[in-house]
Amino acid sequence: MQKALGGLLGFTVVAASAGSSYAGGFASARFGGEHGNPVTDNATAVYYNPAGLALGTGTRIFAEGVLAYRSAEYERPAGAINNVADGEGGTPLDAVSANAGTATVGNVIASPFLGIASDLGVPNLGVGFAIFAPFGGQASWDKNDEYRDDENYPGAYDGVQRWATMDGTVRALYFSGAAAYRLPDIGLSFGASVSVVSQAVNTIRARTALGNDDLVTADGNLVEGRSHVDVSGVSMAAGLGVLWEANDDLKFGLSYQSQPGFGEQSLEGDLNFKFGNSASDTTAINFTQSLPDVVRFGTSFRATEQVELRFSADYTRWSVMTNQCLMDASAADANCTVDENGGAVDETRAVIVNIERNWQDTFGLRAGGSYWLNADTELAGSLGFDSNAVPDETMDPAFIDTNKVIGVFGGRFRLTDSMLLNVSYTHVYYLTREVDPRERDADGNEISFSAPSATPDQAGKYSQNIGVLNLGMEYAF
């Protein structure tokens, strides 16, 4: 079993995203710092509000590096273990610490935003192109050294969170083009964008054939195994925006960014799995999930020559993320139809695993502004709130989310007539969250989802903090 674990854990986890999962599920759009908003005129407008492209003149190049550090802790109680029993299989009494205790993670993630905007020499026109990753995250959890080289329970070395994740990446990389036009007489700009979205999911997690957290059978044979999902796909997305300059000092922006694929996406790839001492196997699969669409509103007011005030809000429709489903790609007419308890409705539909999410819509609010020390030095900051996307019943260490407070501080500094330096730091403080163990029936059995949606209970205490450093350059000519 140890050799098999090493082989499965040796798979390479692919590409990083713009940040870890910290805004409404695993949205990570924080590029642009304080000037990434629905009334901006730099190249980040390609995503935040394409109408803003029409406000700038000449050609503007925007390049930014995003460096994020995420630290998280998950404390799993013994009450979350499916079956604690001595000599009857499940989790033996001498191995409770294999399934209960504290797991930690600390990861540094780096990713760029690259964009260009131009009027092409035509007054009131704006076009742009950008590459960025607004959805995604990755993590590699720390090991449980108590079980290093343990021959009886080798899987426990990967931590108590392993039933949800050990190593993984979820990413949606956008290649976006946009265009906008401004009606100067009324100060109204319209814009639209089209994106090619490259998505990838690459995760490793512990699993048993029954979808519980049992370590061994009644006669002591190992049942814990591993599953490795490696899928990818390409879809399209679109955005619309409008921006109104009420006067020289006051602007309002409103934008809409569609779901990738305009609904459910289907990614293709492989599932490699191994249970207990059995041989590993690989199956071609289709993986389905739905990412959200987003509505954004923003306003800015130049109160004085030195002070600008800004406010923005967003509404993200995470309720479309109902499940993540793995289906046998060879099955004809496969679809992920399950009943209200997650049970298979039609066995011929070839659902291998269904992970219930049932997320909820989120909203975010941000208020801040800028202060110019002089014509070349701008200081900026904001304070924001972002709501939680994940309900208690589907909370797990793979996607930790809570209500959160977000603080930003930074500045924009003119280096030459054509070049600006942007620097900002964002700190995301997650409110600590505790999820109670699932209810049990009179016989002590968990009341939970049925196969193929059965998963171990991820009750426990969750805490998390994320810091993001944005370092960008703007060059205009």
Protein backbone atom coordinates (compact mmCIF):
# COMPACT_ATOMS: atom_id res chain seq x y z
CA MET A 1 0.00 0.00 0.00
CA GLN A 2 2.85 2.41 0.75
CA LYS A 3 4.27 1.96 -2.73
CA ALA A 4 0.86 2.59 -4.29
CA LEU A 5 0.38 5.74 -2.21
CA GLY A 6 3.73 7.06 -3.32
CA GLY A 7 2.91 6.42 -6.96
CA LEU A 8 -0.41 8.24 -6.82
CA LEU A 9 1.04 11.14 -4.86
CA GLY A 10 3.78 11.51 -7.46
CA PHE A 11 1.46 13.03 -10.05
CA THR A 12 2.35 16.62 -10.91
CA VAL A 13 -0.25 19.23 -9.92
CA VAL A 14 -0.71 21.69 -12.80
CA ALA A 15 -0.63 25.49 -13.08
CA ALA A 16 -1.31 28.07 -10.43
CA SER A 17 -4.05 30.64 -10.44
CA ALA A 18 -4.21 34.31 -9.59
CA GLY A 19 -4.88 33.59 -5.96
CA SER A 20 -6.22 31.12 -3.47
CA SER A 21 -9.86 30.56 -2.77
CA TYR A 22 -10.79 33.70 -0.83
CA ALA A 23 -13.66 35.55 -2.42
CA GLY A 24 -17.01 33.85 -2.67
CA GLY A 25 -15.99 30.21 -2.94
CA PHE A 26 -12.80 30.20 -4.99
CA ALA A 27 -13.01 33.43 -6.96
CA SER A 28 -9.57 35.01 -7.00
CA ALA A 29 -10.00 38.21 -9.02
CA ARG A 30 -7.91 40.73 -7.09
CA PHE A 31 -5.71 41.93 -9.93
CA GLY A 32 -5.40 45.69 -10.35
CA GLY A 33 -5.40 46.40 -6.61
CA GLU A 34 -7.43 49.52 -5.81
CA HIS A 35 -7.74 50.35 -9.51
CA GLY A 36 -9.30 47.01 -10.40
CA ASN A 37 -12.97 48.06 -10.25
CA PRO A 38 -16.03 48.73 -12.46
CA VAL A 39 -15.03 52.36 -13.21
CA THR A 40 -11.38 51.79 -14.09
CA ASP A 41 -9.88 52.84 -17.42
CA ASN A 42 -6.78 50.61 -17.40
CA ALA A 43 -6.49 47.19 -19.04
CA THR A 44 -8.16 45.38 -16.11
CA ALA A 45 -11.40 46.89 -17.47
CA VAL A 46 -11.39 43.98 -19.94
CA TYR A 47 -12.71 41.91 -17.01
CA TYR A 48 -14.20 44.34 -14.48
CA ASN A 49 -16.14 46.52 -16.96
CA PRO A 50 -15.19 46.63 -20.66
CA ALA A 51 -16.93 50.02 -21.05
CA GLY A 52 -14.01 51.59 -19.15
CA LEU A 53 -11.67 50.94 -22.08
CA ALA A 54 -13.24 53.92 -23.91
CA LEU A 55 -12.14 56.38 -21.20
CA GLY A 56 -8.43 56.10 -21.92
CA THR A 57 -6.41 57.51 -24.79
CA GLY A 58 -3.42 56.18 -26.68
CA THR A 59 -2.09 52.71 -25.93
CA ARG A 60 -1.71 51.42 -22.35
CA ILE A 61 0.10 48.26 -21.34
CA PHE A 62 -0.62 46.78 -17.92
CA ALA A 63 1.52 43.98 -16.48
CA GLU A 64 1.11 42.78 -12.92
CA GLY A 65 2.49 40.02 -10.77
CA VAL A 66 0.26 38.66 -8.01
CA LEU A 67 1.94 36.88 -5.10
CA ALA A 68 -0.38 35.32 -2.54
CA TYR A 69 0.31 33.48 0.72
CA ARG A 70 -2.43 31.38 2.24
CA SER A 71 -2.39 29.80 5.69
CA ALA A 72 -5.28 27.63 6.91
CA GLU A 73 -6.05 25.22 9.74
CA TYR A 74 -8.69 22.52 9.99
CA GLU A 75 -9.46 20.74 13.28
CA ARG A 76 -11.46 17.55 12.75
CA PRO A 77 -13.20 16.13 15.86
CA ALA A 78 -13.52 12.43 16.66
CA GLY A 79 -17.30 12.90 16.37
CA ALA A 80 -16.91 13.32 12.60
CA ILE A 81 -15.43 9.83 12.11
CA ASN A 82 -17.85 7.46 10.38
CA ASN A 83 -17.18 4.37 12.45
CA VAL A 84 -14.93 4.15 15.54
CA ALA A 85 -14.78 0.53 16.65
CA ASP A 86 -12.27 -1.94 18.04
CA GLY A 87 -11.98 -5.14 16.04
CA GLU A 88 -15.03 -4.35 13.89
CA GLY A 89 -13.40 -2.40 11.10
CA GLY A 90 -13.66 1.29 10.39
CA THR A 91 -11.29 3.41 12.48
CA PRO A 92 -9.75 1.32 15.31
CA LEU A 93 -9.50 2.91 18.75
CA ASP A 94 -5.71 2.99 18.51
CA ALA A 95 -5.95 4.98 15.27
CA VAL A 96 -8.46 7.73 16.11
CA SER A 97 -5.68 10.31 15.57
CA ALA A 98 -5.46 9.09 11.97
CA ASN A 99 -8.90 10.59 11.33
CA ALA A 100 -9.19 13.29 14.00
CA GLY A 101 -6.84 16.14 14.83
CA THR A 102 -5.43 19.27 13.22
CA ALA A 103 -4.33 19.74 9.62
CA THR A 104 -2.48 22.79 8.33
CA VAL A 105 -1.52 24.29 5.01
CA GLY A 106 0.70 27.18 3.97
CA ASN A 107 1.21 27.90 0.29
CA VAL A 108 2.75 30.68 -1.79
CA ILE A 109 1.09 31.17 -5.19
CA ALA A 110 2.28 33.46 -7.98
CA SER A 111 0.44 34.44 -11.15
CA PRO A 112 0.41 37.33 -13.63
CA PHE A 113 -2.16 39.60 -15.20
CA LEU A 114 -1.17 40.80 -18.67
CA GLY A 115 -3.26 43.30 -20.64
CA ILE A 116 -3.18 46.00 -23.29
CA ALA A 117 -5.74 48.70 -24.12
CA SER A 118 -5.76 51.21 -26.99
CA ASP A 119 -7.94 53.70 -28.84
CA LEU A 120 -6.23 52.78 -32.14
CA GLY A 121 -6.08 56.47 -32.92
CA VAL A 122 -9.90 56.75 -33.02
CA PRO A 123 -11.46 59.21 -30.52
CA ASN A 124 -13.84 57.61 -27.99
CA LEU A 125 -12.92 54.06 -29.06
CA GLY A 126 -11.35 51.51 -26.76
CA VAL A 127 -10.16 47.97 -27.44
CA GLY A 128 -8.26 45.61 -25.20
CA PHE A 129 -6.84 42.14 -24.70
CA ALA A 130 -5.87 40.44 -21.45
CA ILE A 131 -4.84 37.11 -19.92
CA PHE A 132 -5.87 36.40 -16.32
CA ALA A 133 -7.32 33.78 -13.95
CA PRO A 134 -10.39 35.04 -12.02
CA PHE A 135 -11.35 31.63 -10.63
CA GLY A 136 -9.05 29.11 -9.04
CA GLY A 137 -6.75 28.03 -6.28
CA GLN A 138 -4.23 25.42 -5.30
CA ALA A 139 -3.05 23.79 -2.09
CA SER A 140 -0.64 21.16 -0.83
CA TRP A 141 -1.46 20.22 2.77
CA ASP A 142 1.12 19.44 5.43
CA LYS A 143 1.77 15.84 6.45
CA ASN A 144 0.90 14.13 9.76
CA ASP A 145 4.34 13.08 11.01
CA GLU A 146 2.79 10.83 13.67
CA TYR A 147 2.08 8.36 10.88
CA ARG A 148 5.27 8.71 8.86
CA ASP A 149 6.24 5.21 7.62
CA ASP A 150 3.36 3.64 9.57
CA GLU A 151 2.78 0.14 8.19
CA ASN A 152 -0.71 -0.31 9.63
CA TYR A 153 -2.29 2.99 8.55
CA PRO A 154 -0.03 4.45 5.82
CA GLY A 155 -2.71 6.75 4.44
CA ALA A 156 -2.91 8.73 7.68
CA TYR A 157 0.44 10.38 6.88
CA ASP A 158 -1.45 12.65 4.45
CA GLY A 159 -3.40 14.38 7.24
CA VAL A 160 -6.94 14.32 8.61
CA GLN A 161 -8.14 16.58 5.76
CA ARG A 162 -7.11 13.99 3.14
CA TRP A 163 -10.70 12.78 2.61
CA ALA A 164 -11.40 16.13 0.92
CA THR A 165 -7.99 17.07 -0.47
CA MET A 166 -4.26 16.47 -0.23
CA ASP A 167 -2.88 18.22 -3.27
CA GLY A 168 -4.97 20.00 -5.84
CA THR A 169 -5.47 22.77 -8.35
CA VAL A 170 -8.64 24.24 -9.79
CA ARG A 171 -8.12 26.89 -12.46
CA ALA A 172 -9.98 28.90 -15.08
CA LEU A 173 -7.58 30.88 -17.29
CA TYR A 174 -9.12 33.60 -19.47
CA PHE A 175 -7.90 34.90 -22.84
CA SER A 176 -10.15 37.92 -23.32
CA GLY A 177 -10.71 40.54 -25.99
CA ALA A 178 -12.97 43.57 -25.49
CA ALA A 179 -14.15 46.72 -27.23
CA ALA A 180 -15.95 49.87 -26.07
CA TYR A 181 -17.26 53.15 -27.44
CA ARG A 182 -18.02 56.43 -25.69
CA LEU A 183 -20.81 58.89 -26.58
CA PRO A 184 -19.06 62.13 -25.58
CA ASP A 185 -22.15 64.36 -25.58
CA ILE A 186 -23.76 62.40 -22.75
CA GLY A 187 -20.67 60.79 -21.21
CA LEU A 188 -22.01 57.27 -21.72
CA SER A 189 -19.75 54.35 -22.67
CA PHE A 190 -20.72 50.83 -23.72
CA GLY A 191 -18.46 47.80 -23.87
CA ALA A 192 -18.43 44.06 -24.48
CA SER A 193 -15.91 41.25 -24.13
CA VAL A 194 -15.46 37.71 -25.42
CA SER A 195 -13.24 35.18 -23.67
CA VAL A 196 -11.77 31.78 -24.35
CA VAL A 197 -11.61 29.99 -21.00
CA SER A 198 -9.16 27.16 -20.37
CA GLN A 199 -10.21 25.13 -17.32
CA ALA A 200 -8.33 22.45 -15.43
CA VAL A 201 -9.00 20.39 -12.31
CA ASN A 202 -6.21 18.26 -10.85
CA THR A 203 -6.78 16.84 -7.36
CA ILE A 204 -5.73 13.94 -5.15
CA ARG A 205 -7.85 12.82 -2.21
CA ALA A 206 -8.34 9.77 0.01
CA ARG A 207 -11.33 7.59 -0.77
CA THR A 208 -12.94 4.22 -0.03
CA ALA A 209 -15.33 2.25 -2.21
CA LEU A 210 -18.21 3.15 0.16
CA GLY A 211 -17.37 6.85 0.36
CA ASN A 212 -16.63 6.79 4.11
CA ASP A 213 -13.43 7.30 6.13
CA ASP A 214 -12.83 3.67 7.16
CA LEU A 215 -9.20 2.64 7.47
CA VAL A 216 -9.54 -1.15 7.66
CA THR A 217 -12.03 -4.00 7.46
CA ALA A 218 -13.04 -6.11 10.48
CA ASP A 219 -10.18 -8.54 9.77
CA GLY A 220 -7.66 -5.71 9.55
CA ASN A 221 -7.27 -5.39 5.78
CA LEU A 222 -6.72 -1.87 4.43
CA VAL A 223 -9.68 -0.24 2.68
CA GLU A 224 -8.42 3.36 2.43
CA GLY A 225 -7.32 4.27 -1.05
CA ARG A 226 -6.61 7.23 -3.32
CA SER A 227 -8.29 8.91 -6.25
CA HIS A 228 -6.55 11.27 -8.65
CA VAL A 229 -8.61 13.42 -11.02
CA ASP A 230 -6.90 15.14 -13.96
CA VAL A 231 -9.32 16.85 -16.36
CA SER A 232 -9.36 19.90 -18.59
CA GLY A 233 -11.45 21.67 -21.21
CA VAL A 234 -12.06 24.88 -23.14
CA SER A 235 -15.22 26.99 -23.20
CA MET A 236 -16.37 30.53 -24.02
CA ALA A 237 -17.58 33.43 -21.89
CA ALA A 238 -18.76 37.00 -22.51
CA GLY A 239 -19.11 40.28 -20.66
CA LEU A 240 -21.11 43.48 -21.01
CA GLY A 241 -20.66 46.86 -19.37
CA VAL A 242 -21.86 50.44 -19.25
CA LEU A 243 -20.18 53.46 -17.67
CA TRP A 244 -21.68 56.91 -17.18
CA GLU A 245 -19.69 60.06 -16.45
CA ALA A 246 -22.30 62.19 -14.70
CA ASN A 247 -19.82 65.09 -14.66
CA ASP A 248 -16.07 65.60 -14.55
CA ASP A 249 -15.89 64.28 -10.99
CA LEU A 250 -18.54 61.55 -10.75
CA LYS A 251 -18.65 58.17 -12.53
CA PHE A 252 -20.91 55.11 -12.28
CA GLY A 253 -20.18 51.68 -13.75
CA LEU A 254 -22.23 48.51 -14.14
CA SER A 255 -21.04 45.24 -15.68
CA TYR A 256 -22.00 41.61 -16.17
CA GLN A 257 -19.62 38.68 -16.69
CA SER A 258 -21.19 35.44 -17.88
CA GLN A 259 -20.57 31.92 -16.66
CA PRO A 260 -17.74 30.09 -18.43
CA GLY A 261 -19.50 27.98 -21.03
CA PHE A 262 -22.71 29.94 -20.34
CA GLY A 263 -23.78 27.16 -17.98
CA GLU A 264 -22.50 23.73 -17.02
CA GLN A 265 -19.04 22.84 -18.31
CA SER A 266 -17.86 19.33 -19.13
CA LEU A 267 -14.15 18.66 -18.76
CA GLU A 268 -12.47 15.52 -20.05
CA GLY A 269 -9.62 13.49 -18.64
CA ASP A 270 -8.80 10.56 -16.37
CA LEU A 271 -9.63 9.21 -12.93
CA ASN A 272 -6.93 7.03 -11.39
CA PHE A 273 -8.05 5.17 -8.29
CA LYS A 274 -6.96 2.45 -5.89
CA PHE A 275 -8.82 0.96 -2.93
CA GLY A 276 -6.97 -0.91 -0.17
CA ASN A 277 -4.57 -3.52 -1.48
CA SER A 278 -6.24 -3.82 -4.88
CA ALA A 279 -4.49 -2.83 -8.09
CA SER A 280 -4.84 0.73 -9.30
CA ASP A 281 -7.06 1.46 -12.29
CA THR A 282 -7.58 4.36 -14.68
CA THR A 283 -10.90 5.35 -16.25
CA ALA A 284 -11.63 8.01 -18.85
CA ILE A 285 -14.16 10.43 -17.38
CA ASN A 286 -16.28 13.47 -18.02
CA PHE A 287 -16.21 15.94 -15.14
CA THR A 288 -19.05 18.46 -14.87
CA GLN A 289 -19.39 21.63 -12.79
CA SER A 290 -20.78 25.16 -13.11
CA LEU A 291 -18.91 28.36 -12.31
CA PRO A 292 -20.86 31.56 -11.61
CA ASP A 293 -21.77 34.71 -13.46
CA VAL A 294 -21.05 38.04 -11.76
CA VAL A 295 -22.74 41.47 -11.65
CA ARG A 296 -20.62 44.44 -10.55
CA PHE A 297 -21.44 48.04 -9.68
CA GLY A 298 -19.00 50.81 -8.90
CA THR A 299 -18.80 54.56 -8.47
CA SER A 300 -16.04 57.10 -7.97
CA PHE A 301 -16.20 60.72 -6.87
CA ARG A 302 -13.35 63.20 -7.11
CA ALA A 303 -14.13 65.20 -3.97
CA THR A 304 -11.13 67.54 -4.25
CA GLU A 305 -8.00 67.83 -6.34
CA GLN A 306 -6.27 65.51 -3.87
CA VAL A 307 -9.08 63.14 -2.81
CA GLU A 308 -11.10 60.54 -4.72
CA LEU A 309 -13.71 58.34 -3.02
CA ARG A 310 -14.77 54.96 -4.41
CA PHE A 311 -17.44 52.35 -3.69
CA SER A 312 -18.07 49.03 -5.41
CA ALA A 313 -20.31 46.00 -4.95
CA ASP A 314 -20.66 42.64 -6.62
CA TYR A 315 -23.14 39.80 -6.67
CA THR A 316 -21.81 36.36 -7.60
CA ARG A 317 -24.26 33.59 -8.49
CA TRP A 318 -22.49 30.70 -6.76
CA SER A 319 -25.83 28.87 -6.42
CA VAL A 320 -25.13 27.35 -9.86
CA MET A 321 -22.37 25.27 -8.22
CA THR A 322 -24.69 22.45 -7.16
CA ASN A 323 -22.26 19.58 -7.62
CA GLN A 324 -19.06 18.30 -9.19
CA CYS A 325 -19.72 15.05 -10.99
CA LEU A 326 -17.42 12.36 -12.40
CA MET A 327 -18.95 10.10 -15.05
CA ASP A 328 -17.66 7.20 -17.11
CA ALA A 329 -16.81 8.73 -20.50
CA SER A 330 -17.56 5.46 -22.31
CA ALA A 331 -21.19 5.36 -21.14
CA ALA A 332 -23.76 6.43 -23.70
CA ASP A 333 -25.92 9.43 -22.71
CA ALA A 334 -24.19 9.75 -19.32
CA ASN A 335 -25.57 12.51 -17.10
CA CYS A 336 -25.38 13.39 -13.44
CA THR A 337 -28.97 12.81 -12.36
CA VAL A 338 -29.23 12.05 -8.64
CA ASP A 339 -32.07 12.19 -6.14
CA GLU A 340 -32.38 14.70 -3.28
CA ASN A 341 -30.14 12.52 -1.10
CA GLY A 342 -27.48 12.26 -3.78
CA GLY A 343 -28.39 8.68 -4.69
CA ALA A 344 -28.22 7.34 -8.24
CA VAL A 345 -31.53 7.60 -10.10
CA ASP A 346 -30.50 5.49 -13.08
CA GLU A 347 -27.54 3.10 -12.73
CA THR A 348 -27.01 3.14 -16.51
CA ARG A 349 -26.00 6.81 -16.34
CA ALA A 350 -22.57 5.73 -15.06
CA VAL A 351 -22.02 8.29 -12.31
CA ILE A 352 -18.78 7.24 -10.61
CA VAL A 353 -18.60 9.96 -7.95
CA ASN A 354 -20.82 12.98 -7.31
CA ILE A 355 -19.61 15.66 -4.89
CA GLU A 356 -22.54 17.67 -3.61
CA ARG A 357 -21.74 21.41 -3.27
CA ASN A 358 -25.08 23.28 -3.13
CA TRP A 359 -23.30 26.61 -2.72
CA GLN A 360 -25.17 29.88 -2.21
CA ASP A 361 -24.95 33.27 -3.92
CA THR A 362 -22.53 35.78 -2.43
CA PHE A 363 -22.15 39.53 -2.32
CA GLY A 364 -19.19 41.79 -1.72
CA LEU A 365 -18.93 45.45 -0.68
CA ARG A 366 -15.86 47.68 -0.82
CA ALA A 367 -15.40 51.34 0.15
CA GLY A 368 -12.18 53.28 -0.14
CA GLY A 369 -10.38 56.00 -1.98
CA SER A 370 -7.16 57.70 -2.98
CA TYR A 371 -5.13 60.63 -1.70
CA TRP A 372 -2.55 62.36 -3.90
CA LEU A 373 0.48 63.64 -2.00
CA ASN A 374 1.48 65.30 -5.26
CA ALA A 375 0.92 64.83 -8.97
CA ASP A 376 3.23 61.80 -9.04
CA THR A 377 2.30 60.00 -5.80
CA GLU A 378 -1.09 58.46 -5.07
CA LEU A 379 -1.88 56.52 -1.90
CA ALA A 380 -4.95 54.27 -1.94
CA GLY A 381 -6.83 51.97 0.41
CA SER A 382 -10.16 50.30 1.07
CA LEU A 383 -12.08 48.10 3.47
CA GLY A 384 -14.47 45.45 2.25
CA PHE A 385 -16.73 42.57 3.23
CA ASP A 386 -17.35 39.36 1.31
CA SER A 387 -20.06 36.84 2.21
CA ASN A 388 -19.79 33.05 2.48
CA ALA A 389 -20.66 30.73 -0.40
CA VAL A 390 -20.44 27.31 1.25
CA PRO A 391 -23.21 25.86 3.49
CA ASP A 392 -22.36 23.75 6.54
CA GLU A 393 -23.50 20.48 4.99
CA THR A 394 -20.95 20.65 2.14
CA MET A 395 -18.11 22.55 3.81
CA ASP A 396 -14.75 20.81 3.44
CA PRO A 397 -11.03 21.64 3.46
CA ALA A 398 -10.88 21.68 -0.35
CA PHE A 399 -12.93 24.92 -0.48
CA ILE A 400 -12.80 26.75 2.83
CA ASP A 401 -15.08 29.78 2.84
CA THR A 402 -16.57 32.01 5.51
CA ASN A 403 -17.70 35.60 5.84
CA LYS A 404 -14.57 37.68 5.52
CA VAL A 405 -13.16 41.18 5.95
CA ILE A 406 -10.78 42.47 3.29
CA GLY A 407 -8.37 45.36 3.75
CA VAL A 408 -6.25 46.91 0.99
CA PHE A 409 -3.48 49.48 1.13
CA GLY A 410 -1.15 50.60 -1.63
CA GLY A 411 -0.09 53.32 -3.99
CA ARG A 412 0.51 54.33 -7.57
CA PHE A 413 3.74 56.16 -8.36
CA ARG A 414 4.69 57.94 -11.57
CA LEU A 415 8.22 56.95 -12.54
CA THR A 416 8.31 58.78 -15.89
CA ASP A 417 5.83 60.63 -18.06
CA SER A 418 4.85 57.27 -19.59
CA MET A 419 5.30 54.77 -16.74
CA LEU A 420 3.44 54.11 -13.50
CA LEU A 421 4.31 51.67 -10.71
CA ASN A 422 1.41 50.05 -8.83
CA VAL A 423 1.99 48.40 -5.44
CA SER A 424 -0.68 47.14 -3.04
CA TYR A 425 -1.17 44.64 -0.25
CA THR A 426 -4.48 42.90 0.42
CA HIS A 427 -5.21 41.01 3.62
CA VAL A 428 -8.21 38.70 3.79
CA TYR A 429 -9.33 37.78 7.30
CA TYR A 430 -11.75 34.85 7.45
CA LEU A 431 -14.04 34.69 10.44
CA THR A 432 -13.41 31.41 12.27
CA ARG A 433 -16.09 28.86 11.49
CA GLU A 434 -17.21 25.66 13.25
CA VAL A 435 -19.32 22.98 11.58
CA ASP A 436 -21.10 20.43 13.79
CA PRO A 437 -20.86 16.69 13.04
CA ARG A 438 -23.69 15.18 11.06
CA GLU A 439 -26.75 13.86 12.85
CA ARG A 440 -26.93 10.13 13.53
CA ASP A 441 -29.86 7.73 13.67
CA ALA A 442 -30.86 5.52 16.61
CA ASP A 443 -28.23 2.94 15.59
CA GLY A 444 -25.47 5.53 15.54
CA ASN A 445 -25.20 5.68 11.75
CA GLU A 446 -24.61 9.04 10.05
CA ILE A 447 -27.50 10.64 8.22
CA SER A 448 -25.74 11.79 5.07
CA PHE A 449 -25.69 11.65 1.29
CA SER A 450 -26.19 8.30 -0.44
CA ALA A 451 -23.86 6.68 -2.99
CA PRO A 452 -22.47 7.87 -5.39
CA SER A 453 -22.54 11.16 -3.41
CA ALA A 454 -21.42 9.69 -0.08
CA THR A 455 -18.42 11.47 1.46
CA PRO A 456 -16.82 11.50 4.92
CA ASP A 457 -18.07 14.08 7.40
CA GLN A 458 -15.94 17.24 7.22
CA ALA A 459 -17.21 18.76 10.48
CA GLY A 460 -14.77 20.77 12.53
CA LYS A 461 -13.19 24.15 13.07
CA TYR A 462 -11.91 26.14 10.10
CA SER A 463 -9.62 29.17 10.18
CA GLN A 464 -7.83 30.89 7.34
CA ASN A 465 -5.91 34.03 6.35
CA ILE A 466 -4.64 35.17 2.98
CA GLY A 467 -2.21 37.95 2.09
CA VAL A 468 -1.81 39.17 -1.49
CA LEU A 469 0.93 41.41 -2.87
CA ASN A 470 0.21 43.12 -6.20
CA LEU A 471 3.13 44.61 -8.11
CA GLY A 472 2.28 46.11 -11.50
CA MET A 473 3.55 48.45 -14.17
CA GLU A 474 1.53 50.64 -16.54
CA TYR A 475 3.14 52.03 -19.67
CA ALA A 476 1.36 54.45 -21.97
CA PHE A 477 2.34 55.74 -25.40
